[in-house]
């Protein structure tokens, strides 16, 4: 009784009671109003079947859109799980593919293709250099500093570096400028299409890039539903110890080339009961769409049986 009273005391009118009443009123007005209008013309039972079919059909379509775009009632988002943290060279990595990258980096580097001092242009040149020499880099892809996948993986790598006490704080190291590599997973969209370039013509982007985005989405959802394991390597290195003078801003952190490089190897965990086929992010809305699709089929089949029964009665009459 005490626990129940404490629960009731914790329920405030705003937003809990207000939100609950808003949802109930919306359900009664939308679904009940539809049923009331249909039932006046076709009867209570047939009206209920029609209203139920419309409701479950609409929720099935909504679940399909949620599944395609990964929005709405989403499941567990994908994460990066730690495989190993290797100091200095990847040559001694347990993962064979990480070893291949280590052997490749001993010979070549993304920085070999950089000629510009501008950071943005340098990143684009590094991406183009690695893309044109995939065999030399053992089919690993280089991710630029503006790539969202790299940013997400770097945050996970920082957590693992802190968890295993490799560094005392996040300010004690920096991710290397040309130290993020990815392999496996689903095919990626063309970087020129996925990038938001303000200098590009909007009409060109609408009529040329939009169809490519749609085809890429269909391709990754159907032809490449089953794909290989996705690995990520993030390289970090300690910074130069610099004293902060009183009354001045802290100096800009710089990588210390004398300190060891730590390679954080991670693999993509897509979540869900079937991560190799269906990610956890879209599993929940997909099950929502499937359930409502089954209910839609049941209600429409009941309507079909009812129509056939009425047709037989009219034929006999």
Protein backbone atom coordinates (compact mmCIF):
# COMPACT_ATOMS: atom_id res chain seq x y z
CA UNK A 1 0.00 0.00 0.00
CA UNK A 2 2.87 2.40 0.82
CA UNK A 3 4.52 1.68 -2.54
CA UNK A 4 1.20 2.24 -4.34
CA UNK A 5 0.66 5.56 -2.55
CA UNK A 6 4.20 6.69 -3.41
CA UNK A 7 3.57 5.76 -7.05
CA UNK A 8 0.32 7.71 -7.15
CA UNK A 9 1.99 10.67 -5.45
CA UNK A 10 4.69 10.69 -8.11
CA UNK A 11 2.16 10.94 -10.95
CA UNK A 12 1.78 14.62 -11.75
CA UNK A 13 -1.01 16.07 -13.81
CA UNK A 14 1.46 17.60 -16.21
CA UNK A 15 2.79 15.87 -18.22
CA UNK A 16 1.65 12.34 -17.26
CA UNK A 17 -2.10 12.76 -16.70
CA UNK A 18 -2.38 15.43 -19.39
CA UNK A 19 -0.54 13.26 -21.91
CA UNK A 20 -2.59 10.17 -21.03
CA UNK A 21 -5.85 12.09 -21.45
CA UNK A 22 -4.66 13.55 -24.76
CA UNK A 23 -3.88 10.09 -26.12
CA UNK A 24 -7.20 8.66 -24.93
CA UNK A 25 -9.17 11.55 -26.42
CA UNK A 26 -7.29 11.20 -29.72
CA UNK A 27 -7.99 7.46 -29.87
CA UNK A 28 -11.68 7.91 -29.04
CA UNK A 29 -12.18 10.77 -31.50
CA UNK A 30 -10.22 9.36 -34.44
CA UNK A 31 -10.99 5.64 -34.18
CA UNK A 32 -14.39 6.01 -32.50
CA UNK A 33 -15.43 8.77 -34.91
CA UNK A 34 -14.49 6.66 -37.91
CA UNK A 35 -16.37 3.67 -36.52
CA UNK A 36 -19.42 5.81 -35.76
CA UNK A 37 -19.61 7.19 -39.30
CA UNK A 38 -19.11 3.82 -40.99
CA UNK A 39 -21.41 1.93 -38.61
CA UNK A 40 -24.35 4.24 -39.40
CA UNK A 41 -24.20 3.14 -43.05
CA UNK A 42 -23.11 -0.50 -42.87
CA UNK A 43 -24.08 -1.72 -39.40
CA UNK A 44 -22.19 -2.16 -36.17
CA UNK A 45 -20.36 -5.42 -37.03
CA UNK A 46 -19.38 -4.51 -40.56
CA UNK A 47 -18.48 -1.01 -39.42
CA UNK A 48 -16.25 -2.43 -36.71
CA UNK A 49 -14.46 -4.65 -39.25
CA UNK A 50 -13.99 -1.74 -41.66
CA UNK A 51 -12.71 0.58 -38.93
CA UNK A 52 -10.38 -2.14 -37.61
CA UNK A 53 -9.04 -2.87 -41.10
CA UNK A 54 -8.38 0.81 -41.68
CA UNK A 55 -6.65 1.20 -38.31
CA UNK A 56 -4.34 -1.81 -38.66
CA UNK A 57 -3.65 -1.04 -42.32
CA UNK A 58 -2.60 2.50 -41.44
CA UNK A 59 -0.37 1.29 -38.58
CA UNK A 60 1.17 -1.33 -40.88
CA UNK A 61 2.12 1.38 -43.40
CA UNK A 62 3.46 3.55 -40.59
CA UNK A 63 5.56 0.63 -39.32
CA UNK A 64 6.95 0.08 -42.83
CA UNK A 65 8.06 3.72 -43.05
CA UNK A 66 9.56 3.48 -39.56
CA UNK A 67 11.49 0.39 -40.64
CA UNK A 68 12.82 1.93 -43.85
CA UNK A 69 14.00 5.20 -42.30
CA UNK A 70 14.86 3.94 -38.80
CA UNK A 71 12.55 6.42 -37.04
CA UNK A 72 9.51 6.28 -34.79
CA UNK A 73 9.38 3.32 -32.41
CA UNK A 74 13.01 2.33 -32.84
CA UNK A 75 14.86 -0.61 -31.40
CA UNK A 76 18.39 -0.89 -30.00
CA UNK A 77 20.79 1.30 -32.01
CA UNK A 78 24.00 -0.29 -33.33
CA UNK A 79 27.16 0.05 -31.26
CA UNK A 80 30.89 -0.60 -31.61
CA UNK A 81 32.17 -3.47 -29.48
CA UNK A 82 35.83 -3.61 -28.52
CA UNK A 83 37.91 -6.39 -30.08
CA UNK A 84 41.38 -5.40 -28.86
CA UNK A 85 43.66 -2.44 -28.15
CA UNK A 86 47.10 -2.81 -29.71
CA UNK A 87 50.07 -0.51 -29.02
CA UNK A 88 52.30 0.65 -31.86
CA UNK A 89 51.73 -1.77 -34.77
CA UNK A 90 48.73 -3.77 -35.95
CA UNK A 91 51.03 -6.55 -37.14
CA UNK A 92 50.43 -8.49 -33.90
CA UNK A 93 46.63 -8.12 -33.96
CA UNK A 94 44.53 -11.22 -33.33
CA UNK A 95 42.16 -10.33 -36.17
CA UNK A 96 43.61 -11.42 -39.54
CA UNK A 97 42.08 -8.47 -41.35
CA UNK A 98 43.52 -6.05 -38.79
CA UNK A 99 46.90 -7.71 -39.38
CA UNK A 100 46.53 -7.10 -43.12
CA UNK A 101 45.94 -3.41 -42.42
CA UNK A 102 49.00 -3.32 -40.17
CA UNK A 103 51.21 -4.83 -42.90
CA UNK A 104 49.76 -2.34 -45.39
CA UNK A 105 50.39 0.67 -43.14
CA UNK A 106 54.00 -0.43 -42.76
CA UNK A 107 54.42 0.23 -46.49
CA UNK A 108 51.97 3.02 -47.37
CA UNK A 109 49.90 5.67 -45.58
CA UNK A 110 46.89 7.83 -46.50
CA UNK A 111 49.16 10.84 -45.97
CA UNK A 112 51.24 9.73 -49.00
CA UNK A 113 48.54 11.07 -51.31
CA UNK A 114 48.19 14.45 -49.58
CA UNK A 115 49.66 17.48 -51.32
CA UNK A 116 47.55 20.35 -49.96
CA UNK A 117 48.00 22.16 -46.67
CA UNK A 118 44.28 22.86 -46.38
CA UNK A 119 42.80 20.33 -43.89
CA UNK A 120 39.57 19.73 -45.84
CA UNK A 121 41.35 19.28 -49.17
CA UNK A 122 43.94 17.05 -47.50
CA UNK A 123 41.21 14.76 -46.16
CA UNK A 124 39.60 14.52 -49.61
CA UNK A 125 42.98 13.70 -51.17
CA UNK A 126 43.60 10.98 -48.56
CA UNK A 127 40.20 9.41 -49.25
CA UNK A 128 40.84 9.47 -53.00
CA UNK A 129 44.33 8.02 -52.58
CA UNK A 130 43.17 5.07 -50.49
CA UNK A 131 40.15 4.46 -52.74
CA UNK A 132 42.44 4.25 -55.77
CA UNK A 133 44.81 1.85 -54.01
CA UNK A 134 42.42 -0.54 -52.27
CA UNK A 135 44.62 -3.57 -52.90
CA UNK A 136 47.62 -1.88 -51.24
CA UNK A 137 45.46 -1.11 -48.19
CA UNK A 138 44.02 -4.67 -48.07
CA UNK A 139 40.55 -3.39 -49.08
CA UNK A 140 40.30 -1.18 -45.99
CA UNK A 141 38.56 2.18 -46.43
CA UNK A 142 39.96 5.39 -45.01
CA UNK A 143 37.42 7.58 -43.20
CA UNK A 144 37.90 11.33 -43.27
CA UNK A 145 37.58 13.46 -40.14
CA UNK A 146 34.15 14.70 -41.31
CA UNK A 147 32.73 11.20 -41.72
CA UNK A 148 29.91 10.64 -39.17
CA UNK A 149 30.85 6.96 -38.82
CA UNK A 150 34.33 7.98 -37.74
CA UNK A 151 32.98 10.41 -35.17
CA UNK A 152 30.69 7.79 -33.67
CA UNK A 153 33.44 5.17 -33.53
CA UNK A 154 35.90 7.64 -32.00
CA UNK A 155 33.53 8.31 -29.10
CA UNK A 156 33.29 4.56 -28.41
CA UNK A 157 37.07 4.24 -28.67
CA UNK A 158 37.47 7.02 -26.09
CA UNK A 159 35.23 5.12 -23.70
CA UNK A 160 37.30 1.95 -24.05
CA UNK A 161 40.59 3.81 -23.63
CA UNK A 162 39.25 5.29 -20.40
CA UNK A 163 37.75 1.99 -19.22
CA UNK A 164 41.05 0.13 -19.59
CA UNK A 165 43.01 3.10 -18.17
CA UNK A 166 45.24 3.50 -21.19
CA UNK A 167 45.16 7.27 -20.62
CA UNK A 168 44.30 9.25 -17.53
CA UNK A 169 41.95 11.63 -19.35
CA UNK A 170 40.63 12.43 -22.81
CA UNK A 171 42.95 15.44 -23.00
CA UNK A 172 46.03 13.20 -22.79
CA UNK A 173 45.74 11.94 -26.38
CA UNK A 174 44.44 12.87 -29.81
CA UNK A 175 42.97 10.75 -32.62
CA UNK A 176 45.43 10.72 -35.50
CA UNK A 177 44.46 12.85 -38.47
CA UNK A 178 44.91 9.94 -40.90
CA UNK A 179 44.13 7.15 -38.45
CA UNK A 180 40.61 5.81 -39.03
CA UNK A 181 39.91 2.76 -41.19
CA UNK A 182 36.84 0.67 -41.87
CA UNK A 183 36.13 -2.61 -43.65
CA UNK A 184 33.12 -4.84 -44.22
CA UNK A 185 29.47 -4.04 -43.61
CA UNK A 186 27.04 -2.77 -46.19
CA UNK A 187 28.10 -0.82 -49.31
CA UNK A 188 28.51 2.88 -48.66
CA UNK A 189 26.91 5.75 -50.55
CA UNK A 190 29.14 7.78 -52.84
CA UNK A 191 30.86 10.41 -50.63
CA UNK A 192 30.10 13.14 -53.18
CA UNK A 193 26.38 12.37 -52.86
CA UNK A 194 26.30 11.87 -49.10
CA UNK A 195 28.24 15.08 -48.40
CA UNK A 196 26.31 18.30 -47.96
CA UNK A 197 28.21 20.65 -50.24
CA UNK A 198 26.72 24.18 -50.16
CA UNK A 199 28.41 25.03 -53.48
CA UNK A 200 26.44 22.42 -55.41
CA UNK A 201 23.35 23.38 -57.34
CA UNK A 202 20.21 22.36 -55.44
CA UNK A 203 18.34 21.43 -58.61
CA UNK A 204 21.19 19.17 -59.69
CA UNK A 205 21.24 17.55 -56.26
CA UNK A 206 17.46 17.01 -56.37
CA UNK A 207 17.22 15.45 -59.83
CA UNK A 208 20.51 13.54 -59.96
CA UNK A 209 21.41 12.62 -56.38
CA UNK A 210 17.92 11.77 -55.09
CA UNK A 211 17.43 8.76 -57.45
CA UNK A 212 20.90 7.51 -56.52
CA UNK A 213 20.03 7.74 -52.82
CA UNK A 214 16.82 5.75 -53.40
CA UNK A 215 18.61 3.06 -55.45
CA UNK A 216 21.33 2.80 -52.79
CA UNK A 217 18.69 2.38 -50.06
CA UNK A 218 16.90 -0.36 -52.03
CA UNK A 219 20.23 -2.02 -52.83
CA UNK A 220 21.37 -2.17 -49.21
CA UNK A 221 17.95 -3.35 -47.99
CA UNK A 222 17.53 -6.18 -50.49
CA UNK A 223 20.58 -7.36 -52.42
CA UNK A 224 22.97 -6.89 -49.50
CA UNK A 225 20.72 -7.92 -46.63
CA UNK A 226 23.36 -10.46 -45.54
CA UNK A 227 26.79 -8.83 -45.34
CA UNK A 228 30.21 -9.40 -43.83
CA UNK A 229 31.39 -8.38 -40.39
CA UNK A 230 32.25 -4.69 -40.13
CA UNK A 231 35.50 -3.72 -38.41
CA UNK A 232 36.83 -0.30 -37.41
CA UNK A 233 40.33 0.80 -36.42
CA UNK A 234 40.85 4.12 -34.62
CA UNK A 235 44.43 5.22 -34.01
CA UNK A 236 45.28 7.61 -31.15
CA UNK A 237 48.54 8.98 -29.81
CA UNK A 238 49.58 10.89 -26.70
CA UNK A 239 50.01 14.66 -26.78
CA UNK A 240 52.99 16.81 -25.93
CA UNK A 241 53.08 17.82 -22.27
CA UNK A 242 52.60 21.61 -22.29
CA UNK A 243 52.33 23.86 -19.26
CA UNK A 244 49.48 26.37 -19.05
CA UNK A 245 50.71 29.81 -18.06
CA UNK A 246 48.67 31.70 -15.45
CA UNK A 247 46.03 33.93 -16.99
CA UNK A 248 46.38 32.44 -20.48
CA UNK A 249 44.33 29.97 -22.45
CA UNK A 250 45.55 26.38 -22.54
CA UNK A 251 47.87 25.72 -25.51
CA UNK A 252 46.61 23.80 -28.51
CA UNK A 253 47.19 20.08 -28.05
CA UNK A 254 49.80 18.54 -30.34
CA UNK A 255 50.61 14.90 -30.98
CA UNK A 256 53.90 13.74 -29.49
CA UNK A 257 55.62 11.55 -32.12
CA UNK A 258 57.76 9.95 -29.42
CA UNK A 259 54.77 8.43 -27.65
CA UNK A 260 53.23 5.09 -28.71
CA UNK A 261 50.27 4.85 -31.06
CA UNK A 262 47.34 2.83 -29.76
CA UNK A 263 45.15 1.03 -32.29
CA UNK A 264 41.59 0.47 -31.06
CA UNK A 265 40.03 -2.37 -33.06
CA UNK A 266 36.23 -2.60 -32.84
CA UNK A 267 33.48 -4.51 -34.56
CA UNK A 268 29.97 -3.37 -35.38
CA UNK A 269 27.21 -4.80 -33.21
CA UNK A 270 23.96 -4.17 -35.06
CA UNK A 271 21.84 -5.59 -32.23
CA UNK A 272 18.66 -7.58 -32.53
CA UNK A 273 18.15 -11.35 -32.54
CA UNK A 274 19.46 -11.63 -36.12
CA UNK A 275 22.20 -8.99 -36.40
CA UNK A 276 23.72 -10.58 -39.49
CA UNK A 277 20.42 -10.14 -41.34
CA UNK A 278 18.38 -7.46 -39.56
CA UNK A 279 19.68 -4.70 -37.29
CA UNK A 280 18.19 -4.09 -33.86
CA UNK A 281 17.35 -0.48 -34.74
CA UNK A 282 14.80 -1.59 -37.34
CA UNK A 283 13.79 -4.87 -35.73
CA UNK A 284 11.23 -3.30 -33.37
CA UNK A 285 9.37 -1.26 -36.05
CA UNK A 286 9.54 -4.27 -38.40
CA UNK A 287 7.82 -6.46 -35.81
CA UNK A 288 5.29 -3.66 -35.25
CA UNK A 289 4.57 -3.58 -38.98
CA UNK A 290 4.35 -7.39 -39.14
CA UNK A 291 1.88 -7.61 -36.24
CA UNK A 292 -0.35 -4.93 -37.70
CA UNK A 293 -0.08 -6.54 -41.13
CA UNK A 294 -1.34 -9.83 -39.69
CA UNK A 295 -4.23 -8.07 -37.95
CA UNK A 296 -5.02 -6.20 -41.17
CA UNK A 297 -5.14 -9.51 -43.04
CA UNK A 298 -7.41 -11.06 -40.39
CA UNK A 299 -9.88 -8.16 -40.48
CA UNK A 300 -9.97 -7.95 -44.27
CA UNK A 301 -10.43 -11.74 -44.54
CA UNK A 302 -13.32 -11.50 -42.09
CA UNK A 303 -14.83 -8.80 -44.31
CA UNK A 304 -14.34 -11.03 -47.34
CA UNK A 305 -16.09 -13.97 -45.65
CA UNK A 306 -18.92 -11.67 -44.55
CA UNK A 307 -19.35 -10.34 -48.11
CA UNK A 308 -19.51 -13.87 -49.52
CA UNK A 309 -22.07 -14.87 -46.90
CA UNK A 310 -24.23 -11.85 -47.73
CA UNK A 311 -23.91 -12.63 -51.44
CA UNK A 312 -25.16 -16.21 -50.85
CA UNK A 313 -28.13 -14.92 -48.83
CA UNK A 314 -29.08 -12.48 -51.59
CA UNK A 315 -28.71 -15.21 -54.24
CA UNK A 316 -30.99 -17.60 -52.32
CA UNK A 317 -33.54 -14.86 -51.74
